[in-house]
Amino acid sequence: MEEFAQLRRGDLGQSEGIWYLQITDEGGRQLKNEQSRRQVPLHHELIRVGFLDYVAGATAGPQDQVFPDLKPGGADRKLGYYFSKQFSTYRGAIGVRRRGLDYHSFRHGVTTKLYQADVSEAWIDLLTGHDEGGGESRRRYLKGIPLMQLRSAIERVTWSEVDLSALYVREAGDEGLPAEPEKAAA
C-alpha cells in the first residue's frame, strides 16, 4: 500500500507506448527492500477507468503526490495509514469483512492470478517486488525483463466476474495522457 501512497506524478512513465509506474525510494520515500525498486506496467483496465486522467487532474508537477489527500499517520508516519483505516471501514460498510481479508489481499489476488495464468515466477517477483528468493542464476544474473514482456504478463490478470465497463472513460487502445488543465485551455 505504501508504494502506491507515495507515488508522484514523475513516477508515471511511458516507454515504447507502454505506461508504467516507477516504484522508487528516491526523494525520501520508503521501500521494503532493494527488490521493491521496479517498473510496473499499467494494466489496460486501469487506463480505461481513467487513471491517467486522474493523475493529470490531481497533479501538475513531477513531485506532486498522485494521491494528495493522503497524509502521514501512525507511529511510522506512513502515507497509507489513514487510507488503510478508511478502506477497512468501507469493507465493513459493504459487508466484505472477514479475518485475513484486507488491502494486502489485492497483492495476494494478483499474484494468484499471475500464477494461474502460467506467468514465470521470476516475472511475478519482478512485478511484485519480491525477488529475494529464487535460484542463484536469477538472483545473480537476471537483470530485468523488457517492459513489453512485463506488460504481457500483467495483462493476463483478469477477473471475469468483475465488470468495470460502467467506469470506462477511455476506449480500448486510447492510452494517451490527457493534456494538463492549463495546457488544454491554451
N, C-alpha and C. Protein backbone atom coordinates (compact mmCIF):
# COMPACT_ATOMS: atom_id res chain seq x y z
N MET A 1 0.83 -1.19 0.00
CA MET A 1 0.00 0.00 0.00
C MET A 1 0.87 1.25 0.00
N GLU A 2 1.94 1.25 0.77
CA GLU A 2 2.77 2.44 0.87
C GLU A 2 3.43 2.79 -0.46
N GLU A 3 3.74 1.78 -1.27
CA GLU A 3 4.33 2.06 -2.58
C GLU A 3 3.39 2.94 -3.41
N PHE A 4 2.09 2.65 -3.37
CA PHE A 4 1.13 3.44 -4.13
C PHE A 4 0.84 4.77 -3.45
N ALA A 5 0.80 4.76 -2.14
CA ALA A 5 0.52 6.00 -1.41
C ALA A 5 1.61 7.05 -1.66
N GLN A 6 2.82 6.61 -1.90
CA GLN A 6 3.95 7.52 -2.09
C GLN A 6 4.14 7.99 -3.54
N LEU A 7 3.33 7.48 -4.46
CA LEU A 7 3.53 7.80 -5.87
C LEU A 7 3.46 9.30 -6.14
N ARG A 8 4.31 9.74 -7.04
CA ARG A 8 4.31 11.13 -7.52
C ARG A 8 4.09 11.11 -9.03
N ARG A 9 3.67 12.24 -9.55
CA ARG A 9 3.41 12.30 -10.99
C ARG A 9 4.62 11.86 -11.79
N GLY A 10 5.81 12.21 -11.35
CA GLY A 10 7.03 11.83 -12.05
C GLY A 10 7.28 10.33 -12.07
N ASP A 11 6.55 9.59 -11.26
CA ASP A 11 6.70 8.13 -11.23
C ASP A 11 5.88 7.45 -12.32
N LEU A 12 5.05 8.21 -13.00
CA LEU A 12 4.28 7.69 -14.12
C LEU A 12 5.10 7.93 -15.39
N GLY A 13 5.41 6.87 -16.08
CA GLY A 13 6.23 7.00 -17.28
C GLY A 13 5.64 6.24 -18.45
N GLN A 14 6.21 6.48 -19.60
CA GLN A 14 5.80 5.76 -20.79
C GLN A 14 7.05 5.46 -21.62
N SER A 15 7.15 4.22 -22.04
CA SER A 15 8.26 3.80 -22.88
C SER A 15 7.71 2.85 -23.94
N GLU A 16 8.03 3.13 -25.19
CA GLU A 16 7.56 2.31 -26.31
C GLU A 16 6.04 2.13 -26.28
N GLY A 17 5.33 3.18 -25.89
CA GLY A 17 3.87 3.15 -25.85
C GLY A 17 3.28 2.44 -24.64
N ILE A 18 4.12 2.04 -23.70
CA ILE A 18 3.65 1.32 -22.52
C ILE A 18 3.72 2.25 -21.31
N TRP A 19 2.57 2.48 -20.67
CA TRP A 19 2.52 3.26 -19.44
C TRP A 19 2.93 2.37 -18.27
N TYR A 20 3.71 2.94 -17.37
CA TYR A 20 4.17 2.18 -16.21
C TYR A 20 4.33 3.09 -15.00
N LEU A 21 4.40 2.46 -13.83
CA LEU A 21 4.71 3.16 -12.58
C LEU A 21 6.14 2.82 -12.20
N GLN A 22 6.90 3.83 -11.87
CA GLN A 22 8.27 3.65 -11.40
C GLN A 22 8.20 3.61 -9.87
N ILE A 23 8.39 2.45 -9.30
CA ILE A 23 8.38 2.31 -7.85
C ILE A 23 9.81 2.55 -7.38
N THR A 24 9.99 3.59 -6.56
CA THR A 24 11.35 4.01 -6.19
C THR A 24 11.39 4.52 -4.76
N ASP A 25 12.60 4.60 -4.24
CA ASP A 25 12.79 5.17 -2.90
C ASP A 25 13.46 6.55 -2.99
N GLU A 26 13.50 7.11 -4.19
CA GLU A 26 14.10 8.43 -4.36
C GLU A 26 13.26 9.49 -3.64
N GLY A 27 13.91 10.55 -3.24
CA GLY A 27 13.20 11.65 -2.60
C GLY A 27 12.69 11.33 -1.20
N GLY A 28 13.37 10.45 -0.50
CA GLY A 28 12.99 10.15 0.88
C GLY A 28 11.86 9.15 1.05
N ARG A 29 11.43 8.54 -0.02
CA ARG A 29 10.35 7.55 0.09
C ARG A 29 10.91 6.23 0.61
N GLN A 30 10.00 5.42 1.15
CA GLN A 30 10.40 4.15 1.76
C GLN A 30 9.99 2.97 0.90
N LEU A 31 10.89 2.00 0.80
CA LEU A 31 10.59 0.72 0.18
C LEU A 31 10.99 -0.37 1.17
N LYS A 32 10.37 -1.54 1.03
CA LYS A 32 10.66 -2.64 1.95
C LYS A 32 12.07 -3.18 1.77
N ASN A 33 12.53 -3.23 0.51
CA ASN A 33 13.84 -3.81 0.23
C ASN A 33 14.32 -3.37 -1.14
N GLU A 34 15.53 -3.79 -1.49
CA GLU A 34 16.14 -3.44 -2.77
C GLU A 34 15.29 -3.92 -3.95
N GLN A 35 14.68 -5.10 -3.82
CA GLN A 35 13.90 -5.68 -4.90
C GLN A 35 12.62 -4.90 -5.17
N SER A 36 12.22 -4.05 -4.25
CA SER A 36 10.98 -3.29 -4.41
C SER A 36 11.12 -2.20 -5.47
N ARG A 37 12.33 -1.79 -5.79
CA ARG A 37 12.56 -0.76 -6.81
C ARG A 37 12.33 -1.41 -8.19
N ARG A 38 11.32 -0.91 -8.94
CA ARG A 38 10.96 -1.58 -10.18
C ARG A 38 10.03 -0.72 -11.02
N GLN A 39 9.78 -1.18 -12.26
CA GLN A 39 8.77 -0.60 -13.14
C GLN A 39 7.63 -1.59 -13.25
N VAL A 40 6.41 -1.09 -13.07
CA VAL A 40 5.22 -1.95 -13.16
C VAL A 40 4.31 -1.38 -14.24
N PRO A 41 4.13 -2.13 -15.33
CA PRO A 41 3.23 -1.65 -16.40
C PRO A 41 1.80 -1.48 -15.88
N LEU A 42 1.11 -0.46 -16.39
CA LEU A 42 -0.29 -0.28 -16.03
C LEU A 42 -1.16 -1.25 -16.82
N HIS A 43 -2.03 -1.90 -16.15
CA HIS A 43 -2.99 -2.80 -16.81
C HIS A 43 -3.94 -1.94 -17.63
N HIS A 44 -4.35 -2.43 -18.80
CA HIS A 44 -5.22 -1.64 -19.69
C HIS A 44 -6.52 -1.23 -18.99
N GLU A 45 -7.02 -2.04 -18.08
CA GLU A 45 -8.27 -1.69 -17.39
C GLU A 45 -8.08 -0.45 -16.50
N LEU A 46 -6.91 -0.30 -15.91
CA LEU A 46 -6.63 0.88 -15.09
C LEU A 46 -6.64 2.14 -15.94
N ILE A 47 -6.12 2.02 -17.15
CA ILE A 47 -6.13 3.16 -18.08
C ILE A 47 -7.57 3.45 -18.52
N ARG A 48 -8.33 2.41 -18.84
CA ARG A 48 -9.70 2.60 -19.32
C ARG A 48 -10.62 3.21 -18.27
N VAL A 49 -10.36 2.95 -16.98
CA VAL A 49 -11.21 3.54 -15.94
C VAL A 49 -10.73 4.94 -15.54
N GLY A 50 -9.70 5.45 -16.21
CA GLY A 50 -9.35 6.86 -16.05
C GLY A 50 -8.18 7.20 -15.16
N PHE A 51 -7.28 6.24 -14.88
CA PHE A 51 -6.15 6.56 -14.01
C PHE A 51 -5.28 7.67 -14.60
N LEU A 52 -5.01 7.64 -15.89
CA LEU A 52 -4.19 8.69 -16.50
C LEU A 52 -4.88 10.06 -16.40
N ASP A 53 -6.18 10.06 -16.61
CA ASP A 53 -6.95 11.31 -16.49
C ASP A 53 -6.91 11.82 -15.05
N TYR A 54 -7.06 10.89 -14.11
CA TYR A 54 -7.00 11.26 -12.69
C TYR A 54 -5.65 11.91 -12.37
N VAL A 55 -4.55 11.28 -12.78
CA VAL A 55 -3.22 11.82 -12.49
C VAL A 55 -3.06 13.20 -13.10
N ALA A 56 -3.51 13.38 -14.33
CA ALA A 56 -3.41 14.67 -15.00
C ALA A 56 -4.18 15.75 -14.25
N GLY A 57 -5.32 15.39 -13.68
CA GLY A 57 -6.13 16.37 -12.96
C GLY A 57 -5.69 16.61 -11.53
N ALA A 58 -5.07 15.62 -10.91
CA ALA A 58 -4.70 15.73 -9.49
C ALA A 58 -3.31 16.31 -9.28
N THR A 59 -2.49 16.32 -10.34
CA THR A 59 -1.10 16.74 -10.20
C THR A 59 -0.73 17.72 -11.31
N ALA A 60 0.25 18.55 -11.02
CA ALA A 60 0.75 19.47 -12.04
C ALA A 60 2.23 19.22 -12.30
N GLY A 61 3.01 19.10 -11.22
CA GLY A 61 4.45 18.92 -11.36
C GLY A 61 4.89 17.51 -11.04
N PRO A 62 6.09 17.14 -11.45
CA PRO A 62 6.59 15.78 -11.26
C PRO A 62 6.72 15.36 -9.79
N GLN A 63 6.86 16.30 -8.88
CA GLN A 63 6.99 15.96 -7.46
C GLN A 63 5.65 15.92 -6.72
N ASP A 64 4.56 16.26 -7.41
CA ASP A 64 3.24 16.25 -6.77
C ASP A 64 2.79 14.81 -6.49
N GLN A 65 2.21 14.61 -5.31
CA GLN A 65 1.68 13.31 -4.95
C GLN A 65 0.50 12.96 -5.84
N VAL A 66 0.45 11.72 -6.30
CA VAL A 66 -0.67 11.24 -7.10
C VAL A 66 -1.94 11.22 -6.26
N PHE A 67 -1.79 10.93 -4.97
CA PHE A 67 -2.93 10.92 -4.05
C PHE A 67 -2.69 11.99 -2.98
N PRO A 68 -2.95 13.26 -3.34
CA PRO A 68 -2.59 14.38 -2.46
C PRO A 68 -3.35 14.44 -1.14
N ASP A 69 -4.48 13.74 -1.04
CA ASP A 69 -5.25 13.77 0.21
C ASP A 69 -4.66 12.87 1.28
N LEU A 70 -3.72 12.02 0.93
CA LEU A 70 -3.12 11.12 1.91
C LEU A 70 -2.11 11.88 2.75
N LYS A 71 -2.29 11.80 4.05
CA LYS A 71 -1.40 12.47 5.00
C LYS A 71 -0.73 11.41 5.87
N PRO A 72 0.52 11.67 6.32
CA PRO A 72 1.21 10.70 7.16
C PRO A 72 0.47 10.45 8.47
N GLY A 73 0.55 9.22 8.92
CA GLY A 73 -0.09 8.88 10.19
C GLY A 73 0.56 7.67 10.82
N GLY A 74 0.18 7.41 12.06
CA GLY A 74 0.72 6.28 12.79
C GLY A 74 2.11 6.56 13.31
N ALA A 75 2.63 5.63 14.07
CA ALA A 75 3.95 5.80 14.68
C ALA A 75 5.05 5.92 13.63
N ASP A 76 4.89 5.26 12.48
CA ASP A 76 5.91 5.30 11.44
C ASP A 76 5.65 6.36 10.38
N ARG A 77 4.58 7.15 10.55
CA ARG A 77 4.26 8.29 9.68
C ARG A 77 4.12 7.89 8.21
N LYS A 78 3.45 6.79 7.96
CA LYS A 78 3.26 6.32 6.59
C LYS A 78 2.03 6.98 5.96
N LEU A 79 2.11 7.22 4.66
CA LEU A 79 1.02 7.87 3.94
C LEU A 79 -0.21 6.98 3.83
N GLY A 80 -0.05 5.67 3.87
CA GLY A 80 -1.17 4.76 3.75
C GLY A 80 -1.92 4.50 5.04
N TYR A 81 -1.47 5.07 6.14
CA TYR A 81 -2.03 4.79 7.46
C TYR A 81 -3.55 5.06 7.52
N TYR A 82 -3.95 6.28 7.19
CA TYR A 82 -5.37 6.63 7.28
C TYR A 82 -6.19 5.95 6.19
N PHE A 83 -5.59 5.77 5.00
CA PHE A 83 -6.30 5.08 3.94
C PHE A 83 -6.63 3.65 4.36
N SER A 84 -5.70 2.99 5.01
CA SER A 84 -5.93 1.63 5.48
C SER A 84 -7.15 1.57 6.40
N LYS A 85 -7.25 2.53 7.28
CA LYS A 85 -8.40 2.59 8.20
C LYS A 85 -9.69 2.87 7.43
N GLN A 86 -9.65 3.79 6.47
CA GLN A 86 -10.83 4.09 5.67
C GLN A 86 -11.26 2.89 4.84
N PHE A 87 -10.29 2.17 4.29
CA PHE A 87 -10.60 1.00 3.49
C PHE A 87 -11.26 -0.08 4.35
N SER A 88 -10.78 -0.23 5.56
CA SER A 88 -11.36 -1.21 6.49
C SER A 88 -12.80 -0.83 6.81
N THR A 89 -13.06 0.44 7.05
CA THR A 89 -14.41 0.92 7.32
C THR A 89 -15.31 0.68 6.11
N TYR A 90 -14.80 0.97 4.92
CA TYR A 90 -15.56 0.76 3.68
C TYR A 90 -15.92 -0.71 3.52
N ARG A 91 -14.96 -1.59 3.72
CA ARG A 91 -15.24 -3.03 3.60
C ARG A 91 -16.35 -3.45 4.56
N GLY A 92 -16.32 -2.91 5.77
CA GLY A 92 -17.39 -3.22 6.73
C GLY A 92 -18.74 -2.71 6.25
N ALA A 93 -18.74 -1.52 5.67
CA ALA A 93 -20.00 -0.91 5.21
C ALA A 93 -20.64 -1.68 4.07
N ILE A 94 -19.83 -2.32 3.23
CA ILE A 94 -20.39 -3.06 2.10
C ILE A 94 -20.48 -4.56 2.38
N GLY A 95 -20.14 -4.95 3.60
CA GLY A 95 -20.29 -6.35 4.00
C GLY A 95 -19.19 -7.29 3.52
N VAL A 96 -18.03 -6.74 3.23
CA VAL A 96 -16.90 -7.55 2.80
C VAL A 96 -15.84 -7.51 3.89
N ARG A 97 -16.16 -8.17 4.97
CA ARG A 97 -15.26 -8.13 6.11
C ARG A 97 -15.12 -9.54 6.68
N ARG A 98 -13.90 -10.04 6.63
CA ARG A 98 -13.62 -11.33 7.27
C ARG A 98 -12.14 -11.40 7.61
N ARG A 99 -11.81 -12.24 8.53
CA ARG A 99 -10.44 -12.39 9.02
C ARG A 99 -9.51 -12.75 7.84
N GLY A 100 -8.38 -12.06 7.77
CA GLY A 100 -7.40 -12.33 6.73
C GLY A 100 -7.63 -11.60 5.43
N LEU A 101 -8.73 -10.86 5.33
CA LEU A 101 -9.03 -10.11 4.11
C LEU A 101 -8.81 -8.63 4.40
N ASP A 102 -7.82 -8.05 3.74
CA ASP A 102 -7.51 -6.64 3.93
C ASP A 102 -6.95 -6.08 2.63
N TYR A 103 -6.42 -4.88 2.67
CA TYR A 103 -5.91 -4.25 1.46
C TYR A 103 -4.80 -5.09 0.83
N HIS A 104 -3.96 -5.70 1.65
CA HIS A 104 -2.85 -6.52 1.14
C HIS A 104 -3.37 -7.72 0.35
N SER A 105 -4.64 -8.07 0.53
CA SER A 105 -5.22 -9.19 -0.21
C SER A 105 -5.22 -8.94 -1.72
N PHE A 106 -5.23 -7.67 -2.14
CA PHE A 106 -5.13 -7.36 -3.57
C PHE A 106 -3.83 -7.94 -4.14
N ARG A 107 -2.73 -7.74 -3.41
CA ARG A 107 -1.43 -8.26 -3.84
C ARG A 107 -1.47 -9.78 -3.95
N HIS A 108 -2.08 -10.43 -2.95
CA HIS A 108 -2.22 -11.89 -2.98
C HIS A 108 -3.06 -12.32 -4.18
N GLY A 109 -4.14 -11.60 -4.42
CA GLY A 109 -5.03 -11.94 -5.54
C GLY A 109 -4.35 -11.82 -6.88
N VAL A 110 -3.60 -10.75 -7.08
CA VAL A 110 -2.89 -10.55 -8.35
C VAL A 110 -1.82 -11.62 -8.51
N THR A 111 -1.09 -11.91 -7.45
CA THR A 111 -0.06 -12.95 -7.52
C THR A 111 -0.69 -14.29 -7.88
N THR A 112 -1.81 -14.61 -7.27
CA THR A 112 -2.51 -15.87 -7.57
C THR A 112 -2.94 -15.90 -9.04
N LYS A 113 -3.51 -14.79 -9.52
CA LYS A 113 -3.94 -14.73 -10.92
C LYS A 113 -2.76 -14.89 -11.88
N LEU A 114 -1.60 -14.31 -11.54
CA LEU A 114 -0.42 -14.45 -12.38
C LEU A 114 0.04 -15.91 -12.44
N TYR A 115 0.05 -16.57 -11.29
CA TYR A 115 0.40 -18.00 -11.27
C TYR A 115 -0.60 -18.81 -12.08
N GLN A 116 -1.89 -18.52 -11.91
CA GLN A 116 -2.92 -19.25 -12.65
C GLN A 116 -2.79 -19.05 -14.15
N ALA A 117 -2.25 -17.90 -14.56
CA ALA A 117 -2.06 -17.60 -15.98
C ALA A 117 -0.72 -18.14 -16.49
N ASP A 118 -0.04 -18.90 -15.65
CA ASP A 118 1.21 -19.55 -16.02
C ASP A 118 2.33 -18.55 -16.32
N VAL A 119 2.33 -17.42 -15.60
CA VAL A 119 3.40 -16.44 -15.73
C VAL A 119 4.60 -16.94 -14.94
N SER A 120 5.79 -16.75 -15.47
CA SER A 120 7.02 -17.18 -14.84
C SER A 120 7.15 -16.59 -13.43
N GLU A 121 7.61 -17.41 -12.50
CA GLU A 121 7.80 -16.93 -11.12
C GLU A 121 8.77 -15.75 -11.07
N ALA A 122 9.80 -15.76 -11.91
CA ALA A 122 10.75 -14.65 -11.96
C ALA A 122 10.05 -13.35 -12.34
N TRP A 123 9.14 -13.43 -13.30
CA TRP A 123 8.41 -12.23 -13.74
C TRP A 123 7.45 -11.77 -12.65
N ILE A 124 6.80 -12.73 -12.00
CA ILE A 124 5.90 -12.38 -10.89
C ILE A 124 6.68 -11.63 -9.82
N ASP A 125 7.86 -12.14 -9.49
CA ASP A 125 8.68 -11.48 -8.48
C ASP A 125 9.08 -10.07 -8.91
N LEU A 126 9.40 -9.89 -10.19
CA LEU A 126 9.76 -8.55 -10.68
C LEU A 126 8.57 -7.60 -10.60
N LEU A 127 7.39 -8.09 -10.92
CA LEU A 127 6.19 -7.24 -10.87
C LEU A 127 5.81 -6.87 -9.45
N THR A 128 5.96 -7.82 -8.53
CA THR A 128 5.51 -7.59 -7.15
C THR A 128 6.61 -7.07 -6.23
N GLY A 129 7.86 -7.04 -6.72
CA GLY A 129 8.95 -6.55 -5.90
C GLY A 129 9.42 -7.55 -4.87
N HIS A 130 9.20 -8.83 -5.14
CA HIS A 130 9.61 -9.90 -4.21
C HIS A 130 10.62 -10.80 -4.88
N ASP A 131 11.79 -10.29 -5.18
CA ASP A 131 12.79 -11.08 -5.90
C ASP A 131 13.90 -11.58 -4.98
N GLU A 132 13.65 -11.64 -3.68
CA GLU A 132 14.71 -12.08 -2.78
C GLU A 132 14.92 -13.58 -2.80
N GLY A 133 13.98 -14.32 -3.32
CA GLY A 133 14.11 -15.78 -3.41
C GLY A 133 14.68 -16.19 -4.74
N GLY A 134 14.31 -17.36 -5.18
CA GLY A 134 14.73 -17.83 -6.48
C GLY A 134 16.10 -18.45 -6.47
N GLY A 135 16.45 -19.02 -7.60
CA GLY A 135 17.73 -19.69 -7.73
C GLY A 135 18.88 -18.72 -7.90
N GLU A 136 20.08 -19.27 -7.84
CA GLU A 136 21.30 -18.48 -7.95
C GLU A 136 21.36 -17.71 -9.26
N SER A 137 20.99 -18.35 -10.36
CA SER A 137 21.03 -17.67 -11.67
C SER A 137 20.14 -16.45 -11.68
N ARG A 138 18.94 -16.59 -11.15
CA ARG A 138 18.01 -15.47 -11.14
C ARG A 138 18.52 -14.34 -10.25
N ARG A 139 18.98 -14.69 -9.06
CA ARG A 139 19.45 -13.65 -8.13
C ARG A 139 20.70 -12.95 -8.64
N ARG A 140 21.60 -13.68 -9.22
CA ARG A 140 22.88 -13.11 -9.60
C ARG A 140 22.89 -12.50 -11.01
N TYR A 141 22.20 -13.14 -11.95
CA TYR A 141 22.37 -12.76 -13.35
C TYR A 141 21.18 -12.09 -14.02
N LEU A 142 19.98 -12.35 -13.55
CA LEU A 142 18.81 -11.75 -14.20
C LEU A 142 18.79 -10.25 -13.92
N LYS A 143 18.84 -9.47 -14.96
CA LYS A 143 18.91 -8.01 -14.81
C LYS A 143 17.63 -7.31 -15.25
N GLY A 144 16.59 -8.04 -15.42
CA GLY A 144 15.33 -7.41 -15.76
C GLY A 144 14.69 -8.06 -16.97
N ILE A 145 13.42 -7.86 -17.07
CA ILE A 145 12.62 -8.36 -18.18
C ILE A 145 12.13 -7.12 -18.94
N PRO A 146 12.17 -7.12 -20.27
CA PRO A 146 11.69 -5.95 -21.01
C PRO A 146 10.25 -5.59 -20.62
N LEU A 147 9.99 -4.30 -20.61
CA LEU A 147 8.69 -3.77 -20.22
C LEU A 147 7.55 -4.39 -21.03
N MET A 148 7.78 -4.64 -22.33
CA MET A 148 6.76 -5.24 -23.18
C MET A 148 6.36 -6.62 -22.65
N GLN A 149 7.33 -7.40 -22.21
CA GLN A 149 7.02 -8.73 -21.69
C GLN A 149 6.32 -8.63 -20.33
N LEU A 150 6.74 -7.68 -19.51
CA LEU A 150 6.05 -7.49 -18.22
C LEU A 150 4.61 -7.06 -18.44
N ARG A 151 4.39 -6.21 -19.44
CA ARG A 151 3.01 -5.81 -19.73
C ARG A 151 2.19 -7.01 -20.18
N SER A 152 2.75 -7.85 -21.02
CA SER A 152 2.03 -9.05 -21.45
C SER A 152 1.67 -9.91 -20.25
N ALA A 153 2.57 -9.98 -19.28
CA ALA A 153 2.29 -10.77 -18.07
C ALA A 153 1.17 -10.14 -17.26
N ILE A 154 1.24 -8.84 -17.02
CA ILE A 154 0.23 -8.18 -16.17
C ILE A 154 -1.13 -8.19 -16.86
N GLU A 155 -1.16 -8.16 -18.18
CA GLU A 155 -2.42 -8.20 -18.91
C GLU A 155 -3.13 -9.55 -18.78
N ARG A 156 -2.41 -10.56 -18.33
CA ARG A 156 -3.01 -11.88 -18.14
C ARG A 156 -3.83 -11.94 -16.85
N VAL A 157 -3.75 -10.91 -16.04
CA VAL A 157 -4.56 -10.85 -14.82
C VAL A 157 -5.95 -10.35 -15.20
N THR A 158 -6.94 -11.21 -15.02
CA THR A 158 -8.32 -10.82 -15.31
C THR A 158 -9.23 -11.32 -14.20
N TRP A 159 -10.28 -10.59 -14.00
CA TRP A 159 -11.34 -11.00 -13.09
C TRP A 159 -12.63 -10.97 -13.91
N SER A 160 -12.96 -12.08 -14.54
CA SER A 160 -14.13 -12.12 -15.41
C SER A 160 -15.42 -11.85 -14.64
N GLU A 161 -15.39 -12.08 -13.34
CA GLU A 161 -16.58 -11.86 -12.52
C GLU A 161 -16.80 -10.39 -12.15
N VAL A 162 -15.86 -9.51 -12.54
CA VAL A 162 -15.98 -8.08 -12.24
C VAL A 162 -16.12 -7.31 -13.56
N ASP A 163 -17.22 -6.59 -13.71
CA ASP A 163 -17.48 -5.80 -14.91
C ASP A 163 -17.21 -4.33 -14.59
N LEU A 164 -16.15 -3.79 -15.16
CA LEU A 164 -15.77 -2.39 -14.93
C LEU A 164 -16.27 -1.45 -16.01
N SER A 165 -16.98 -1.96 -17.00
CA SER A 165 -17.33 -1.15 -18.17
C SER A 165 -18.10 0.12 -17.83
N ALA A 166 -18.86 0.13 -16.76
CA ALA A 166 -19.60 1.34 -16.38
C ALA A 166 -18.66 2.45 -15.92
N LEU A 167 -17.42 2.10 -15.60
CA LEU A 167 -16.44 3.08 -15.13
C LEU A 167 -15.53 3.61 -16.24
N TYR A 168 -15.62 3.03 -17.45
CA TYR A 168 -14.71 3.39 -18.52
C TYR A 168 -14.86 4.86 -18.91
N VAL A 169 -13.71 5.52 -19.02
CA VAL A 169 -13.66 6.88 -19.55
C VAL A 169 -12.88 6.91 -20.86
N ARG A 170 -12.29 5.77 -21.23
CA ARG A 170 -11.50 5.65 -22.44
C ARG A 170 -11.90 4.38 -23.18
N GLU A 171 -11.65 4.40 -24.46
CA GLU A 171 -11.87 3.21 -25.28
C GLU A 171 -10.62 2.35 -25.24
N ALA A 172 -10.74 1.10 -25.56
CA ALA A 172 -9.58 0.21 -25.64
C ALA A 172 -8.58 0.79 -26.64
N GLY A 173 -7.32 0.83 -26.26
CA GLY A 173 -6.27 1.35 -27.13
C GLY A 173 -6.04 2.83 -27.01
N ASP A 174 -6.91 3.57 -26.34
CA ASP A 174 -6.75 5.02 -26.14
C ASP A 174 -5.94 5.21 -24.86
N GLU A 175 -4.62 5.24 -25.00
CA GLU A 175 -3.77 5.24 -23.82
C GLU A 175 -2.94 6.51 -23.66
N GLY A 176 -3.32 7.58 -24.31
CA GLY A 176 -2.55 8.82 -24.17
C GLY A 176 -2.89 9.55 -22.89
N LEU A 177 -1.90 10.21 -22.32
CA LEU A 177 -2.12 11.04 -21.13
C LEU A 177 -2.79 12.32 -21.59
N PRO A 178 -3.93 12.68 -20.98
CA PRO A 178 -4.60 13.92 -21.39
C PRO A 178 -3.74 15.13 -21.09
N ALA A 179 -4.00 16.18 -21.81
CA ALA A 179 -3.26 17.42 -21.59
C ALA A 179 -3.52 17.92 -20.19
N GLU A 180 -2.50 18.55 -19.61
CA GLU A 180 -2.68 19.16 -18.29
C GLU A 180 -3.69 20.29 -18.42
N PRO A 181 -4.48 20.55 -17.37
CA PRO A 181 -5.55 21.54 -17.47
C PRO A 181 -5.13 22.89 -18.06
N GLU A 182 -3.99 23.41 -17.61
CA GLU A 182 -3.59 24.73 -18.11
C GLU A 182 -3.16 24.67 -19.58
N LYS A 183 -2.65 23.54 -20.06
CA LYS A 183 -2.26 23.41 -21.45
C LYS A 183 -3.49 23.22 -22.34
N ALA A 184 -4.49 22.54 -21.83
CA ALA A 184 -5.68 22.28 -22.63
C ALA A 184 -6.44 23.57 -22.91
N ALA A 185 -6.37 24.55 -22.01
CA ALA A 185 -7.11 25.80 -22.17
C ALA A 185 -6.44 26.72 -23.19
N ALA A 186 -5.15 26.53 -23.43
CA ALA A 186 -4.41 27.42 -24.33
C ALA A 186 -4.76 27.22 -25.78
